[in-house]
């Protein structure tokens, strides 16, 4: 302090200069801070303005999309619709697929007439070589019955398959139409356009074994292949078909194509493929390798063409007959899904037998003189009932419910014990395992029902059934009608039938419970 005071006394002017310089520096700093503060203030105001402008623009866009720009209207699914054709006959075929990709299932069917409906105004002459009348394939919307496309396909239709995922050079989903005289026509599912045609001649007396089966890509062209069996003879059993003919057992009548999982250390390594055939009273088995070699005269090494040692041990290599099975009068073959494999159900005039497809051992047998619901794993009968069934009555259908069970739709006529009156009516019944002593009679009809199916038209909802009615191809043409009806519409007006004398709940309570039943789409 003494030094500073002394300095100030000795150099007074210097002290004043220092103070002035310090004041000037402080003033400059204040001006700089002031300018920076002003700049930050202006920047903050710009940021605030940009934020509110962005928010305002977002609100305008939301408002525009919400109220000004209309959303695309999705057609409301009608509860019931009809599609009618005059002077036609109907084929026993119905397929349910999403044709127009609107997430609602559509209906594909076939009829024979001289012209299509007025919606497309097509004739048999449009396809050149087809006579008139001819068979048309048509797709209609599941929402309202509007025609999506109609296409002349064959002179007569022997069989159709519409769940084929790869057809044609573009490998698009479509339908395979097996015509008569024998012709193969593929139709694109989305557009109805013909992808390709091929004709063959198998003589006059033949039967196409159905359904047509999809097999692995055996010619390595990147597209899945098809196998078709043509049989001669009069005896036919129903079943779940390489264009070149392959000699099989005489009187061959039904075919089932199965896949066998081959596992190693708990993991699937490859699939083996066999054709399971019935002819009169015998069962036959052919590996896909044998069929390919016989049809082409060539040997090919593909994992899918391997043979299973267990199957080969039980197959007579001369006749291909399965020696371990006593078959009887076979009427039906079907694949039954198991936990880790497909099993084979063989039904004859007296018994039903479930066979393990892995080792060909019998899992269970059951008497089949009545309508039955059977637990496939054990063969235990869950429910059985005697129903009178007319010749060519539609088969049953099932719908998966949200409680992981199934609702069953069955055609026939239930007769109350003591009342043996026979009527010309065909009746549709609903059964659910929640009420084992109850049948709901949904509808009755004297119309000739050609085909019937039930499905969920939208995922986990919109349970409906479809009826195709009219004269069959063997009769004179007449009116043909395709109908879709929501199941709930019939449940609310149904007649409750008590299968036992004890009525636990009121009839209206049963209707209400089944009306509120929720459904679940299968994966």
Protein backbone atom coordinates (compact mmCIF):
# COMPACT_ATOMS: atom_id res chain seq x y z
CA UNK A 1 0.00 0.00 0.00
CA UNK A 2 2.82 2.40 0.88
CA UNK A 3 4.46 1.73 -2.48
CA UNK A 4 1.25 2.45 -4.38
CA UNK A 5 0.61 5.65 -2.50
CA UNK A 6 4.17 6.77 -3.09
CA UNK A 7 3.83 6.04 -6.79
CA UNK A 8 0.63 8.04 -6.96
CA UNK A 9 2.24 10.98 -5.24
CA UNK A 10 5.30 10.92 -7.48
CA UNK A 11 3.35 10.37 -10.82
CA UNK A 12 -0.16 11.82 -10.39
CA UNK A 13 -0.80 12.13 -14.16
CA UNK A 14 0.12 8.53 -14.77
CA UNK A 15 -2.46 7.43 -12.24
CA UNK A 16 -5.16 9.43 -13.98
CA UNK A 17 -4.21 7.85 -17.32
CA UNK A 18 -4.50 4.36 -15.87
CA UNK A 19 -7.93 5.08 -14.44
CA UNK A 20 -9.08 6.51 -17.75
CA UNK A 21 -7.80 3.44 -19.62
CA UNK A 22 -9.57 1.10 -17.18
CA UNK A 23 -12.82 3.01 -17.58
CA UNK A 24 -12.50 2.84 -21.37
CA UNK A 25 -11.90 -0.94 -21.26
CA UNK A 26 -14.90 -1.42 -18.98
CA UNK A 27 -17.03 0.63 -21.33
CA UNK A 28 -15.93 -1.44 -24.33
CA UNK A 29 -16.70 -4.67 -22.47
CA UNK A 30 -20.15 -3.37 -21.57
CA UNK A 31 -20.83 -2.48 -25.20
CA UNK A 32 -19.70 -5.95 -26.32
CA UNK A 33 -21.89 -7.67 -23.72
CA UNK A 34 -24.78 -5.44 -24.69
CA UNK A 35 -24.36 -6.33 -28.39
CA UNK A 36 -24.11 -10.04 -27.56
CA UNK A 37 -27.21 -9.82 -25.38
CA UNK A 38 -29.05 -8.03 -28.19
CA UNK A 39 -27.98 -10.70 -30.67
CA UNK A 40 -29.03 -13.51 -28.32
CA UNK A 41 -32.34 -11.78 -27.72
CA UNK A 42 -33.00 -11.48 -31.45
CA UNK A 43 -31.95 -15.15 -31.97
CA UNK A 44 -34.25 -16.27 -29.17
CA UNK A 45 -37.13 -14.39 -30.76
CA UNK A 46 -36.39 -16.02 -34.15
CA UNK A 47 -36.30 -19.47 -32.53
CA UNK A 48 -39.60 -18.83 -30.79
CA UNK A 49 -41.16 -17.63 -34.04
CA UNK A 50 -39.84 -20.69 -35.94
CA UNK A 51 -41.23 -23.01 -33.27
CA UNK A 52 -44.70 -21.49 -33.40
CA UNK A 53 -44.70 -21.38 -37.20
CA UNK A 54 -43.76 -25.11 -37.32
CA UNK A 55 -46.44 -25.90 -34.76
CA UNK A 56 -48.99 -23.92 -36.76
CA UNK A 57 -48.06 -25.75 -39.98
CA UNK A 58 -48.34 -29.12 -38.22
CA UNK A 59 -51.80 -28.18 -36.95
CA UNK A 60 -52.85 -27.13 -40.44
CA UNK A 61 -51.66 -30.48 -41.90
CA UNK A 62 -53.44 -32.46 -39.19
CA UNK A 63 -56.60 -30.42 -39.70
CA UNK A 64 -56.42 -30.92 -43.48
CA UNK A 65 -56.03 -34.68 -43.27
CA UNK A 66 -58.65 -34.94 -40.54
CA UNK A 67 -61.43 -32.78 -41.95
CA UNK A 68 -60.68 -31.47 -45.44
CA UNK A 69 -59.01 -34.36 -47.35
CA UNK A 70 -61.45 -37.32 -47.26
CA UNK A 71 -60.14 -40.71 -46.15
CA UNK A 72 -60.70 -43.60 -48.57
CA UNK A 73 -64.00 -45.22 -47.75
CA UNK A 74 -63.84 -48.91 -46.89
CA UNK A 75 -66.96 -50.76 -48.03
CA UNK A 76 -69.14 -51.88 -45.17
CA UNK A 77 -69.53 -55.66 -45.18
CA UNK A 78 -73.14 -56.54 -45.80
CA UNK A 79 -74.70 -59.07 -43.46
CA UNK A 80 -76.29 -60.97 -46.36
CA UNK A 81 -75.78 -60.71 -50.09
CA UNK A 82 -76.77 -62.71 -53.17
CA UNK A 83 -75.23 -63.18 -56.61
CA UNK A 84 -77.65 -64.66 -59.16
CA UNK A 85 -77.14 -66.21 -62.61
CA UNK A 86 -79.87 -67.34 -65.02
CA UNK A 87 -79.85 -70.39 -67.27
CA UNK A 88 -76.72 -71.88 -65.69
CA UNK A 89 -75.46 -74.90 -63.72
CA UNK A 90 -73.12 -74.84 -60.73
CA UNK A 91 -69.99 -76.87 -59.95
CA UNK A 92 -69.25 -78.34 -56.53
CA UNK A 93 -66.48 -75.93 -55.73
CA UNK A 94 -66.00 -72.94 -53.42
CA UNK A 95 -62.75 -71.21 -52.45
CA UNK A 96 -62.24 -68.40 -49.96
CA UNK A 97 -59.31 -66.05 -50.76
CA UNK A 98 -58.55 -62.32 -50.47
CA UNK A 99 -58.69 -61.56 -54.20
CA UNK A 100 -58.64 -57.74 -54.18
CA UNK A 101 -56.31 -57.47 -51.14
CA UNK A 102 -58.72 -55.39 -49.04
CA UNK A 103 -58.19 -57.63 -45.98
CA UNK A 104 -61.70 -59.09 -46.44
CA UNK A 105 -62.00 -62.63 -47.79
CA UNK A 106 -63.65 -63.08 -51.20
CA UNK A 107 -65.42 -66.03 -52.83
CA UNK A 108 -64.30 -67.95 -55.93
CA UNK A 109 -66.71 -70.40 -57.59
CA UNK A 110 -67.51 -71.93 -60.97
CA UNK A 111 -70.63 -72.14 -63.12
CA UNK A 112 -71.52 -73.16 -66.68
CA UNK A 113 -73.40 -70.81 -68.98
CA UNK A 114 -73.29 -69.26 -72.43
CA UNK A 115 -72.35 -65.83 -71.08
CA UNK A 116 -70.99 -64.28 -67.91
CA UNK A 117 -72.97 -61.84 -65.81
CA UNK A 118 -73.86 -58.38 -67.11
CA UNK A 119 -70.99 -56.95 -65.03
CA UNK A 120 -68.41 -58.18 -67.59
CA UNK A 121 -70.49 -59.38 -70.55
CA UNK A 122 -68.02 -62.08 -71.57
CA UNK A 123 -68.84 -65.13 -73.67
CA UNK A 124 -67.25 -68.50 -74.34
CA UNK A 125 -66.19 -67.24 -77.78
CA UNK A 126 -63.82 -64.80 -76.09
CA UNK A 127 -61.45 -67.71 -75.40
CA UNK A 128 -61.48 -68.87 -79.02
CA UNK A 129 -61.54 -72.66 -78.81
CA UNK A 130 -64.27 -73.10 -76.18
CA UNK A 131 -67.78 -74.18 -77.25
CA UNK A 132 -70.88 -72.52 -75.86
CA UNK A 133 -72.01 -73.02 -73.13
CA UNK A 134 -68.73 -73.35 -71.22
CA UNK A 135 -67.44 -73.26 -67.64
CA UNK A 136 -66.69 -69.87 -66.09
CA UNK A 137 -64.54 -69.17 -63.04
CA UNK A 138 -65.70 -66.11 -61.08
CA UNK A 139 -64.53 -64.13 -58.06
CA UNK A 140 -66.93 -61.94 -56.07
CA UNK A 141 -66.27 -59.50 -53.25
CA UNK A 142 -66.84 -60.78 -49.75
CA UNK A 143 -68.11 -57.38 -48.62
CA UNK A 144 -71.07 -56.96 -50.97
CA UNK A 145 -71.08 -59.70 -53.62
CA UNK A 146 -69.82 -57.42 -56.40
CA UNK A 147 -68.17 -59.34 -59.26
CA UNK A 148 -64.38 -58.86 -59.24
CA UNK A 149 -63.68 -60.89 -62.37
CA UNK A 150 -65.19 -63.69 -64.50
CA UNK A 151 -63.26 -65.84 -66.93
CA UNK A 152 -64.24 -68.64 -69.39
CA UNK A 153 -61.89 -71.47 -68.41
CA UNK A 154 -62.88 -74.87 -69.84
CA UNK A 155 -65.56 -76.85 -71.62
CA UNK A 156 -66.31 -78.65 -68.36
CA UNK A 157 -64.59 -78.41 -64.99
CA UNK A 158 -63.40 -81.59 -63.33
CA UNK A 159 -61.65 -79.90 -60.38
CA UNK A 160 -60.26 -76.57 -59.22
CA UNK A 161 -57.57 -75.62 -56.72
CA UNK A 162 -57.15 -71.99 -55.64
CA UNK A 163 -54.61 -71.93 -52.79
CA UNK A 164 -51.56 -72.26 -55.05
CA UNK A 165 -49.00 -69.57 -54.19
CA UNK A 166 -46.79 -69.67 -57.31
CA UNK A 167 -48.09 -70.04 -60.86
CA UNK A 168 -46.78 -68.87 -64.22
CA UNK A 169 -43.50 -67.14 -65.07
CA UNK A 170 -44.25 -64.37 -62.58
CA UNK A 171 -44.87 -66.94 -59.81
CA UNK A 172 -48.11 -65.25 -58.74
CA UNK A 173 -50.92 -66.81 -56.65
CA UNK A 174 -53.71 -68.36 -58.67
CA UNK A 175 -56.13 -71.18 -59.42
CA UNK A 176 -55.52 -74.38 -61.36
CA UNK A 177 -58.54 -75.53 -63.38
CA UNK A 178 -58.63 -79.18 -64.45
CA UNK A 179 -60.99 -79.34 -67.39
CA UNK A 180 -62.78 -82.12 -69.22
CA UNK A 181 -61.69 -83.15 -71.84
CA UNK A 182 -58.44 -83.03 -69.90
CA UNK A 183 -56.96 -79.55 -69.98
CA UNK A 184 -55.00 -77.58 -67.41
CA UNK A 185 -55.62 -73.85 -67.16
CA UNK A 186 -54.07 -71.52 -64.61
CA UNK A 187 -55.81 -68.27 -63.72
CA UNK A 188 -54.23 -65.37 -61.80
CA UNK A 189 -55.98 -64.88 -58.48
CA UNK A 190 -55.85 -61.06 -58.48
CA UNK A 191 -56.92 -60.38 -62.07
CA UNK A 192 -58.51 -63.54 -63.48
CA UNK A 193 -56.09 -63.49 -66.41
CA UNK A 194 -55.09 -66.86 -67.93
CA UNK A 195 -51.43 -67.61 -67.16
CA UNK A 196 -51.05 -70.77 -69.24
CA UNK A 197 -53.02 -73.67 -70.75
CA UNK A 198 -52.09 -77.26 -71.53
CA UNK A 199 -54.16 -80.07 -73.00
CA UNK A 200 -53.73 -83.84 -72.61
CA UNK A 201 -55.57 -86.96 -73.74
CA UNK A 202 -56.16 -89.76 -71.21
CA UNK A 203 -58.99 -91.50 -73.05
CA UNK A 204 -62.70 -91.54 -72.27
CA UNK A 205 -63.04 -93.38 -68.96
CA UNK A 206 -60.93 -91.53 -66.41
CA UNK A 207 -61.21 -89.73 -63.09
CA UNK A 208 -59.07 -86.91 -61.77
CA UNK A 209 -58.05 -87.72 -58.20
CA UNK A 210 -58.51 -84.66 -56.08
CA UNK A 211 -57.28 -82.40 -54.83
CA UNK A 212 -54.30 -81.39 -56.94
CA UNK A 213 -51.19 -81.30 -54.75
CA UNK A 214 -48.33 -78.84 -54.66
CA UNK A 215 -44.91 -80.51 -54.54
CA UNK A 216 -41.35 -79.12 -54.15
CA UNK A 217 -39.55 -77.56 -57.09
CA UNK A 218 -38.26 -80.77 -58.74
CA UNK A 219 -37.08 -79.14 -62.00
CA UNK A 220 -35.14 -76.33 -60.27
CA UNK A 221 -36.85 -73.47 -62.12
CA UNK A 222 -37.59 -71.56 -58.92
CA UNK A 223 -41.36 -72.22 -59.02
CA UNK A 224 -43.19 -74.91 -57.06
CA UNK A 225 -44.56 -77.81 -59.10
CA UNK A 226 -47.84 -79.72 -59.18
CA UNK A 227 -48.70 -83.41 -59.22
CA UNK A 228 -51.95 -84.71 -60.74
CA UNK A 229 -53.25 -88.28 -60.71
CA UNK A 230 -55.62 -89.55 -63.39
CA UNK A 231 -57.34 -92.86 -62.54
CA UNK A 232 -59.47 -95.27 -64.53
CA UNK A 233 -62.32 -97.32 -63.09
CA UNK A 234 -65.63 -96.62 -61.44
CA UNK A 235 -64.82 -96.87 -57.74
CA UNK A 236 -63.95 -93.55 -56.11
CA UNK A 237 -63.00 -92.72 -52.55
CA UNK A 238 -62.64 -89.07 -51.60
CA UNK A 239 -59.33 -87.51 -50.60
CA UNK A 240 -57.75 -84.38 -49.77
CA UNK A 241 -52.52 -84.90 -58.53
CA UNK A 242 -46.19 -84.10 -63.60
CA UNK A 243 -48.13 -84.26 -66.56
CA UNK A 244 -46.55 -87.48 -67.88
CA UNK A 245 -48.62 -90.56 -67.05
CA UNK A 246 -47.38 -93.03 -64.43
CA UNK A 247 -48.76 -96.57 -64.19
CA UNK A 248 -50.42 -97.16 -60.81
CA UNK A 249 -52.66 -99.83 -59.29
CA UNK A 250 -55.80 -100.78 -61.20
CA UNK A 251 -58.93 -98.99 -60.04
CA UNK A 252 -56.93 -96.34 -58.23
CA UNK A 253 -59.50 -93.99 -56.75
CA UNK A 254 -58.14 -91.52 -54.18
CA UNK A 255 -54.88 -89.78 -53.35
CA UNK A 256 -53.27 -88.03 -50.41
CA UNK A 257 -49.93 -86.21 -50.56
CA UNK A 258 -48.12 -86.04 -47.23
CA UNK A 259 -44.84 -84.61 -45.95
CA UNK A 260 -42.72 -86.36 -43.33
CA UNK A 261 -40.46 -84.28 -41.11
CA UNK A 262 -36.97 -85.72 -40.66
CA UNK A 263 -35.32 -84.37 -37.52
CA UNK A 264 -31.75 -84.46 -36.27
CA UNK A 265 -30.89 -83.37 -32.71
CA UNK A 266 -34.32 -81.81 -32.33
CA UNK A 267 -34.06 -79.74 -35.53
CA UNK A 268 -35.83 -80.34 -38.86
CA UNK A 269 -33.19 -81.26 -41.44
CA UNK A 270 -35.41 -82.01 -44.47
CA UNK A 271 -38.83 -83.24 -45.58
CA UNK A 272 -39.74 -86.52 -47.23
CA UNK A 273 -42.73 -86.61 -49.57
CA UNK A 274 -45.03 -89.56 -50.28
CA UNK A 275 -48.28 -90.09 -52.15
CA UNK A 276 -50.79 -92.19 -50.28
CA UNK A 277 -53.28 -93.92 -52.61
CA UNK A 278 -56.43 -95.98 -52.16
CA UNK A 279 -57.74 -98.38 -54.78
CA UNK A 280 -60.75 -100.56 -54.01
CA UNK A 281 -59.83 -102.31 -50.74
CA UNK A 282 -56.11 -101.56 -50.62
CA UNK A 283 -53.74 -98.74 -49.75
CA UNK A 284 -50.64 -97.93 -51.77
CA UNK A 285 -47.67 -95.61 -51.21
CA UNK A 286 -45.29 -94.00 -53.71
CA UNK A 287 -42.31 -91.86 -52.85
CA UNK A 288 -41.95 -88.67 -54.83
CA UNK A 289 -38.61 -90.04 -56.06
CA UNK A 290 -40.31 -93.11 -57.56
CA UNK A 291 -42.97 -90.97 -59.23
CA UNK A 292 -40.43 -88.55 -60.66
CA UNK A 293 -38.24 -91.36 -62.02
CA UNK A 294 -41.23 -93.14 -63.57
CA UNK A 295 -42.59 -89.96 -65.17
CA UNK A 296 -39.31 -88.57 -66.54
CA UNK A 297 -37.08 -91.63 -66.83
CA UNK A 298 -34.37 -89.75 -64.98
CA UNK A 299 -32.76 -89.98 -61.58
CA UNK A 300 -32.39 -86.81 -59.59
CA UNK A 301 -30.78 -86.16 -56.22
CA UNK A 302 -32.71 -83.67 -54.13
CA UNK A 303 -33.32 -83.76 -50.35
CA UNK A 304 -37.07 -83.72 -51.01
CA UNK A 305 -36.76 -86.84 -53.18
CA UNK A 306 -35.18 -89.02 -50.51
CA UNK A 307 -37.00 -92.13 -49.32
CA UNK A 308 -37.91 -93.01 -45.76
CA UNK A 309 -36.51 -96.36 -44.53
CA UNK A 310 -39.53 -97.05 -42.31
CA UNK A 311 -41.97 -96.52 -45.17
CA UNK A 312 -39.88 -98.49 -47.65
CA UNK A 313 -39.78 -101.41 -45.23
CA UNK A 314 -43.58 -101.67 -45.34
CA UNK A 315 -44.07 -101.06 -49.08
CA UNK A 316 -44.16 -103.93 -51.57
CA UNK A 317 -41.69 -102.71 -54.19
CA UNK A 318 -43.53 -104.52 -56.99
CA UNK A 319 -47.10 -103.39 -56.30
CA UNK A 320 -46.38 -100.48 -53.86
CA UNK A 321 -49.06 -101.87 -51.57
CA UNK A 322 -48.82 -101.12 -47.85
CA UNK A 323 -48.83 -104.60 -46.39
CA UNK A 324 -49.31 -103.68 -42.74
CA UNK A 325 -52.77 -102.15 -43.21
CA UNK A 326 -56.03 -104.03 -43.54
CA UNK A 327 -58.03 -101.37 -45.31
CA UNK A 328 -61.51 -102.63 -46.15
CA UNK A 329 -63.89 -100.59 -48.31
CA UNK A 330 -62.09 -97.23 -48.23
CA UNK A 331 -64.25 -94.14 -48.54
CA UNK A 332 -62.10 -91.27 -47.38
CA UNK A 333 -58.50 -90.18 -46.86
CA UNK A 334 -57.43 -87.05 -44.99
CA UNK A 335 -54.39 -85.42 -43.43
CA UNK A 336 -54.75 -84.64 -39.72
CA UNK A 337 -52.27 -82.15 -38.22
CA UNK A 338 -50.35 -83.42 -35.19
CA UNK A 339 -48.03 -81.70 -32.75
CA UNK A 340 -44.90 -82.42 -34.79
CA UNK A 341 -46.15 -84.23 -37.90
CA UNK A 342 -49.08 -84.97 -40.17
CA UNK A 343 -51.12 -88.10 -39.49
CA UNK A 344 -53.29 -89.99 -41.96
CA UNK A 345 -56.99 -90.65 -41.38
CA UNK A 346 -58.43 -93.63 -43.27
CA UNK A 347 -62.20 -94.02 -43.17
CA UNK A 348 -63.97 -97.08 -44.53
CA UNK A 349 -67.60 -98.18 -44.33
CA UNK A 350 -67.30 -99.26 -40.69
CA UNK A 351 -64.20 -97.82 -39.05
CA UNK A 352 -61.99 -94.74 -38.88
CA UNK A 353 -58.26 -95.32 -38.36
CA UNK A 354 -55.60 -92.73 -37.60
CA UNK A 355 -52.11 -93.70 -38.75
CA UNK A 356 -48.82 -92.19 -37.63
CA UNK A 357 -47.19 -90.91 -40.82
CA UNK A 358 -43.73 -91.18 -39.25
CA UNK A 359 -43.74 -94.94 -38.60
CA UNK A 360 -47.07 -96.11 -40.14
CA UNK A 361 -48.32 -97.42 -36.81
CA UNK A 362 -52.02 -97.26 -35.96
CA UNK A 363 -52.74 -94.62 -33.31
CA UNK A 364 -56.43 -95.45 -32.80
CA UNK A 365 -59.50 -96.94 -34.46
CA UNK A 366 -63.13 -95.96 -34.04
CA UNK A 367 -66.57 -97.07 -35.18
CA UNK A 368 -68.03 -94.50 -37.59
CA UNK A 369 -71.74 -95.24 -37.82
CA UNK A 370 -72.74 -91.80 -36.44
CA UNK A 371 -71.78 -88.14 -36.65
CA UNK A 372 -68.87 -87.74 -34.23
CA UNK A 373 -66.51 -85.13 -32.86
CA UNK A 374 -63.28 -86.89 -31.92
CA UNK A 375 -60.15 -85.71 -30.10
CA UNK A 376 -57.54 -86.42 -32.76
CA UNK A 377 -54.68 -87.05 -30.34
CA UNK A 378 -56.35 -89.87 -28.41
CA UNK A 379 -59.38 -90.87 -30.47
CA UNK A 380 -61.67 -90.10 -27.53
CA UNK A 381 -65.23 -89.31 -28.62
CA UNK A 382 -66.18 -85.82 -27.43
CA UNK A 383 -69.72 -85.87 -28.83
CA UNK A 384 -71.79 -88.06 -31.13
CA UNK A 385 -75.25 -87.90 -32.66
CA UNK A 386 -77.31 -89.70 -35.28
CA UNK A 387 -78.38 -87.43 -38.14
CA UNK A 388 -80.19 -88.40 -41.31
CA UNK A 389 -78.22 -87.17 -44.29
CA UNK A 390 -79.38 -86.90 -47.88
CA UNK A 391 -77.26 -88.06 -50.80
CA UNK A 392 -74.81 -85.34 -51.84
CA UNK A 393 -75.49 -83.30 -48.71
CA UNK A 394 -72.83 -80.64 -48.05
CA UNK A 395 -70.00 -81.60 -45.74
CA UNK A 396 -69.48 -80.00 -42.31
CA UNK A 397 -67.49 -76.84 -41.57
CA UNK A 398 -65.73 -75.54 -38.45
CA UNK A 399 -64.97 -72.08 -37.08
CA UNK A 400 -62.31 -71.50 -34.42
CA UNK A 401 -63.60 -69.64 -31.37
CA UNK A 402 -61.78 -67.35 -28.97
CA UNK A 403 -61.88 -69.99 -26.21
CA UNK A 404 -59.53 -72.19 -28.33
CA UNK A 405 -62.31 -74.56 -29.31
CA UNK A 406 -64.44 -74.86 -32.45
CA UNK A 407 -68.01 -74.26 -33.50
CA UNK A 408 -69.32 -76.96 -35.85
CA UNK A 409 -71.78 -76.42 -38.73
CA UNK A 410 -73.43 -79.68 -39.79
CA UNK A 411 -76.02 -80.51 -42.47
CA UNK A 412 -78.59 -83.24 -41.92
CA UNK A 413 -81.89 -83.83 -40.19
CA UNK A 414 -82.24 -84.60 -36.52
CA UNK A 415 -85.26 -86.73 -35.66
CA UNK A 416 -86.67 -86.64 -32.18
CA UNK A 417 -86.89 -90.21 -30.79
CA UNK A 418 -90.34 -91.59 -31.60
CA UNK A 419 -90.84 -89.28 -34.59
CA UNK A 420 -89.59 -91.05 -37.73
CA UNK A 421 -91.16 -88.66 -40.24
CA UNK A 422 -88.85 -88.06 -43.22
CA UNK A 423 -88.97 -84.59 -44.80
CA UNK A 424 -87.33 -83.24 -47.97
CA UNK A 425 -85.65 -80.46 -45.98
CA UNK A 426 -81.91 -80.02 -45.61
CA UNK A 427 -81.18 -78.45 -42.23
CA UNK A 428 -78.10 -76.61 -41.03
CA UNK A 429 -77.20 -77.08 -37.35
CA UNK A 430 -74.73 -75.30 -35.09
CA UNK A 431 -73.00 -77.16 -32.27
CA UNK A 432 -70.55 -75.78 -29.70
CA UNK A 433 -68.84 -77.91 -27.02
CA UNK A 434 -70.04 -75.52 -24.30
CA UNK A 435 -73.53 -76.99 -24.68
CA UNK A 436 -73.25 -80.69 -25.43
CA UNK A 437 -77.00 -81.23 -25.07
CA UNK A 438 -78.03 -78.47 -27.49
CA UNK A 439 -78.29 -78.13 -31.26
CA UNK A 440 -79.23 -74.85 -32.93
CA UNK A 441 -81.22 -75.30 -36.13
CA UNK A 442 -80.06 -72.30 -38.17
CA UNK A 443 -81.94 -72.78 -41.42
CA UNK A 444 -83.79 -75.35 -43.50
CA UNK A 445 -84.09 -75.50 -47.25
CA UNK A 446 -85.47 -77.61 -50.06
CA UNK A 447 -83.06 -75.99 -52.55
CA UNK A 448 -80.34 -78.08 -54.14
CA UNK A 449 -77.16 -77.08 -52.33
CA UNK A 450 -74.12 -77.62 -54.54
CA UNK A 451 -71.37 -76.28 -52.26
CA UNK A 452 -71.05 -74.93 -48.72
CA UNK A 453 -68.27 -73.32 -46.71
CA UNK A 454 -67.86 -71.25 -43.55
CA UNK A 455 -65.04 -68.91 -42.61
CA UNK A 456 -64.06 -65.63 -40.97
CA UNK A 457 -64.23 -62.98 -43.67
CA UNK A 458 -62.12 -60.61 -41.57
CA UNK A 459 -59.39 -61.44 -39.09
CA UNK A 460 -60.95 -62.83 -35.88
CA UNK A 461 -64.41 -61.49 -36.81
CA UNK A 462 -67.19 -61.52 -39.37
CA UNK A 463 -68.05 -65.24 -39.19
CA UNK A 464 -70.12 -66.17 -42.25
CA UNK A 465 -71.18 -69.12 -44.31
CA UNK A 466 -71.48 -69.32 -48.09
CA UNK A 467 -74.05 -71.35 -50.06
CA UNK A 468 -73.95 -72.14 -53.77
CA UNK A 469 -77.35 -73.36 -54.94
CA UNK A 470 -78.72 -74.44 -58.31
CA UNK A 471 -78.77 -77.40 -60.71
CA UNK A 472 -75.60 -79.53 -61.00
CA UNK A 473 -73.87 -80.08 -64.38
CA UNK A 474 -75.78 -83.36 -64.87
CA UNK A 475 -79.14 -81.52 -64.96
CA UNK A 476 -80.78 -78.94 -67.18
CA UNK A 477 -79.71 -75.30 -66.67
CA UNK A 478 -81.67 -73.09 -64.32
CA UNK A 479 -81.17 -70.30 -61.78
CA UNK A 480 -77.87 -70.39 -59.84
CA UNK A 481 -77.49 -68.40 -56.62
CA UNK A 482 -74.45 -67.63 -54.49
CA UNK A 483 -75.23 -66.36 -50.99
CA UNK A 484 -73.11 -65.12 -48.09
CA UNK A 485 -74.80 -64.77 -44.73
CA UNK A 486 -73.46 -63.64 -41.38
CA UNK A 487 -73.75 -66.45 -38.86
CA UNK A 488 -75.16 -64.22 -36.10
CA UNK A 489 -78.20 -63.43 -38.25
CA UNK A 490 -79.27 -67.06 -38.12
CA UNK A 491 -78.26 -67.63 -34.49
CA UNK A 492 -80.63 -64.90 -33.28
CA UNK A 493 -83.55 -66.55 -35.11
CA UNK A 494 -82.56 -70.19 -34.57
CA UNK A 495 -84.58 -73.02 -33.10
CA UNK A 496 -83.08 -74.61 -29.99
CA UNK A 497 -83.16 -78.42 -29.95
CA UNK A 498 -82.57 -80.16 -26.62
CA UNK A 499 -80.78 -83.49 -27.09
CA UNK A 500 -81.68 -84.57 -23.58
CA UNK A 501 -84.83 -84.07 -21.56
CA UNK A 502 -83.06 -81.82 -19.07
CA UNK A 503 -83.07 -78.15 -20.10
CA UNK A 504 -80.47 -76.38 -17.96
CA UNK A 505 -81.00 -72.85 -19.33
CA UNK A 506 -83.73 -71.02 -21.21
CA UNK A 507 -83.73 -71.13 -25.01
CA UNK A 508 -83.22 -67.38 -25.27
CA UNK A 509 -80.24 -67.58 -22.91
CA UNK A 510 -78.65 -70.20 -25.20
CA UNK A 511 -79.25 -68.02 -28.27
CA UNK A 512 -77.81 -64.96 -26.54
CA UNK A 513 -74.69 -66.80 -25.39
CA UNK A 514 -73.96 -68.24 -28.83
CA UNK A 515 -74.80 -64.92 -30.49
CA UNK A 516 -72.09 -63.23 -28.40
CA UNK A 517 -69.58 -65.98 -29.23
CA UNK A 518 -66.25 -64.53 -30.37
CA UNK A 519 -64.11 -66.09 -33.07
CA UNK A 520 -60.39 -66.46 -33.67
CA UNK A 521 -58.53 -66.70 -36.98
CA UNK A 522 -56.31 -69.72 -37.46
CA UNK A 523 -52.65 -68.89 -37.97
